[in-house]
Amino acid sequence: MISHPLTFLVGYVLVTFILSFVVVGPLVVFMSILFRRRVEKRYTDGLYLGASATAFAFMILHYLLYLRGYGMTKWSTLFGDIFYPSRYF
């Protein structure tokens, strides 16, 4: 069902994952290579994973704060709606 409230959640997590690991991570690595001429491979790998995971975590935190702003206080209902149709649908 395209209008199910969790469609937005799944789409948001998917877009967030793509933005973090395809856009933000490589951009941070590129900028570090640009400013440092000689960079070890393991340094860029760690920088990529760290920047991507941090960006992903902050984007998920942004979504949770968005839900909190709309009065979502019972977090157990959010996880219950993943397996069952939404109560507010």
C-alpha atoms as a PDB file:
ATOM      1  CA  MET A   1       0.000   0.000   0.000  1.00  0.00           C
ATOM      2  CA  ILE A   2       1.619   3.179  -1.165  1.00  0.00           C
ATOM      3  CA  SER A   3      -0.134   5.407   1.373  1.00  0.00           C
ATOM      4  CA  HIS A   4       0.839   3.376   4.434  1.00  0.00           C
ATOM      5  CA  PRO A   5       2.669   5.574   6.963  1.00  0.00           C
ATOM      6  CA  LEU A   6       5.617   3.201   7.063  1.00  0.00           C
ATOM      7  CA  THR A   7       6.186   3.683   3.343  1.00  0.00           C
ATOM      8  CA  PHE A   8       7.696   7.050   4.231  1.00  0.00           C
ATOM      9  CA  LEU A   9       9.816   5.458   6.989  1.00  0.00           C
ATOM     10  CA  VAL A  10      11.223   2.800   4.660  1.00  0.00           C
ATOM     11  CA  GLY A  11      11.854   5.368   1.949  1.00  0.00           C
ATOM     12  CA  TYR A  12      13.522   7.721   4.407  1.00  0.00           C
ATOM     13  CA  VAL A  13      15.835   5.007   5.731  1.00  0.00           C
ATOM     14  CA  LEU A  14      16.718   3.918   2.193  1.00  0.00           C
ATOM     15  CA  VAL A  15      17.448   7.452   0.984  1.00  0.00           C
ATOM     16  CA  THR A  16      19.383   8.161   4.181  1.00  0.00           C
ATOM     17  CA  PHE A  17      21.512   5.061   3.650  1.00  0.00           C
ATOM     18  CA  ILE A  18      22.237   6.031   0.051  1.00  0.00           C
ATOM     19  CA  LEU A  19      23.054   9.627   0.983  1.00  0.00           C
ATOM     20  CA  SER A  20      25.358   8.514   3.782  1.00  0.00           C
ATOM     21  CA  PHE A  21      27.330   5.805   2.018  1.00  0.00           C
ATOM     22  CA  VAL A  22      27.244   7.074  -1.579  1.00  0.00           C
ATOM     23  CA  VAL A  23      27.413  10.855  -1.171  1.00  0.00           C
ATOM     24  CA  VAL A  24      28.709  11.940   2.259  1.00  0.00           C
ATOM     25  CA  GLY A  25      31.340   9.226   2.793  1.00  0.00           C
ATOM     26  CA  PRO A  26      33.098   9.605  -0.573  1.00  0.00           C
ATOM     27  CA  LEU A  27      32.856  13.400  -0.329  1.00  0.00           C
ATOM     28  CA  VAL A  28      34.645  13.412   3.039  1.00  0.00           C
ATOM     29  CA  VAL A  29      37.335  11.068   1.697  1.00  0.00           C
ATOM     30  CA  PHE A  30      37.784  13.229  -1.397  1.00  0.00           C
ATOM     31  CA  MET A  31      38.173  16.354   0.713  1.00  0.00           C
ATOM     32  CA  SER A  32      40.740  14.660   2.965  1.00  0.00           C
ATOM     33  CA  ILE A  33      42.745  13.476  -0.056  1.00  0.00           C
ATOM     34  CA  LEU A  34      42.522  16.969  -1.524  1.00  0.00           C
ATOM     35  CA  PHE A  35      44.098  18.535   1.560  1.00  0.00           C
ATOM     36  CA  ARG A  36      46.614  15.762   2.282  1.00  0.00           C
ATOM     37  CA  ARG A  37      48.764  14.612  -0.593  1.00  0.00           C
ATOM     38  CA  ARG A  38      49.872  11.240   0.745  1.00  0.00           C
ATOM     39  CA  VAL A  39      47.158   9.277   2.518  1.00  0.00           C
ATOM     40  CA  GLU A  40      47.251   5.624   3.566  1.00  0.00           C
ATOM     41  CA  LYS A  41      44.541   3.299   2.258  1.00  0.00           C
ATOM     42  CA  ARG A  42      43.453   2.177   5.724  1.00  0.00           C
ATOM     43  CA  TYR A  43      43.078   5.826   6.779  1.00  0.00           C
ATOM     44  CA  THR A  44      40.691   6.563   3.909  1.00  0.00           C
ATOM     45  CA  ASP A  45      38.738   3.337   4.543  1.00  0.00           C
ATOM     46  CA  GLY A  46      38.271   4.221   8.198  1.00  0.00           C
ATOM     47  CA  LEU A  47      37.407   7.803   7.356  1.00  0.00           C
ATOM     48  CA  TYR A  48      34.831   6.638   4.811  1.00  0.00           C
ATOM     49  CA  LEU A  49      33.140   4.239   7.222  1.00  0.00           C
ATOM     50  CA  GLY A  50      33.237   6.689  10.120  1.00  0.00           C
ATOM     51  CA  ALA A  51      31.827   9.610   8.143  1.00  0.00           C
ATOM     52  CA  SER A  52      29.141   7.451   6.534  1.00  0.00           C
ATOM     53  CA  ALA A  53      28.026   5.819   9.775  1.00  0.00           C
ATOM     54  CA  THR A  54      27.966   9.161  11.590  1.00  0.00           C
ATOM     55  CA  ALA A  55      25.926  10.788   8.826  1.00  0.00           C
ATOM     56  CA  PHE A  56      23.510   7.842   8.839  1.00  0.00           C
ATOM     57  CA  ALA A  57      23.117   8.022  12.636  1.00  0.00           C
ATOM     58  CA  PHE A  58      22.456  11.763  12.577  1.00  0.00           C
ATOM     59  CA  MET A  59      19.878  11.409   9.810  1.00  0.00           C
ATOM     60  CA  ILE A  60      18.054   8.698  11.755  1.00  0.00           C
ATOM     61  CA  LEU A  61      18.219  10.905  14.874  1.00  0.00           C
ATOM     62  CA  HIS A  62      16.705  13.701  12.796  1.00  0.00           C
ATOM     63  CA  TYR A  63      13.787  11.432  11.861  1.00  0.00           C
ATOM     64  CA  LEU A  64      13.210  10.404  15.477  1.00  0.00           C
ATOM     65  CA  LEU A  65      13.205  14.044  16.558  1.00  0.00           C
ATOM     66  CA  TYR A  66      10.771  14.752  13.720  1.00  0.00           C
ATOM     67  CA  LEU A  67       8.428  12.093  15.109  1.00  0.00           C
ATOM     68  CA  ARG A  68       8.870  13.476  18.622  1.00  0.00           C
ATOM     69  CA  GLY A  69       7.869  16.922  17.353  1.00  0.00           C
ATOM     70  CA  TYR A  70       4.609  15.468  16.114  1.00  0.00           C
ATOM     71  CA  GLY A  71       3.760  14.043  19.512  1.00  0.00           C
ATOM     72  CA  MET A  72       5.131  10.529  19.169  1.00  0.00           C
ATOM     73  CA  THR A  73       5.768   9.553  22.773  1.00  0.00           C
ATOM     74  CA  LYS A  74       5.007   5.830  22.816  1.00  0.00           C
ATOM     75  CA  TRP A  75       7.945   4.418  20.857  1.00  0.00           C
ATOM     76  CA  SER A  76       6.658   0.855  21.182  1.00  0.00           C
ATOM     77  CA  THR A  77       3.781   1.704  18.827  1.00  0.00           C
ATOM     78  CA  LEU A  78       6.288   2.651  16.121  1.00  0.00           C
ATOM     79  CA  PHE A  79       7.916  -0.788  16.235  1.00  0.00           C
ATOM     80  CA  GLY A  80       4.528  -2.495  16.454  1.00  0.00           C
ATOM     81  CA  ASP A  81       3.413  -0.772  13.254  1.00  0.00           C
ATOM     82  CA  ILE A  82       6.268  -2.352  11.340  1.00  0.00           C
ATOM     83  CA  PHE A  83       4.647  -5.780  11.572  1.00  0.00           C
ATOM     84  CA  TYR A  84       0.991  -4.775  11.704  1.00  0.00           C
ATOM     85  CA  PRO A  85      -1.042  -2.111   9.871  1.00  0.00           C
ATOM     86  CA  SER A  86      -0.889   1.299  11.426  1.00  0.00           C
ATOM     87  CA  ARG A  87      -3.484   2.130  14.069  1.00  0.00           C
ATOM     88  CA  TYR A  88      -3.883   5.611  12.639  1.00  0.00           C
ATOM     89  CA  PHE A  89      -4.185   4.462   9.030  1.00  0.00           C
END
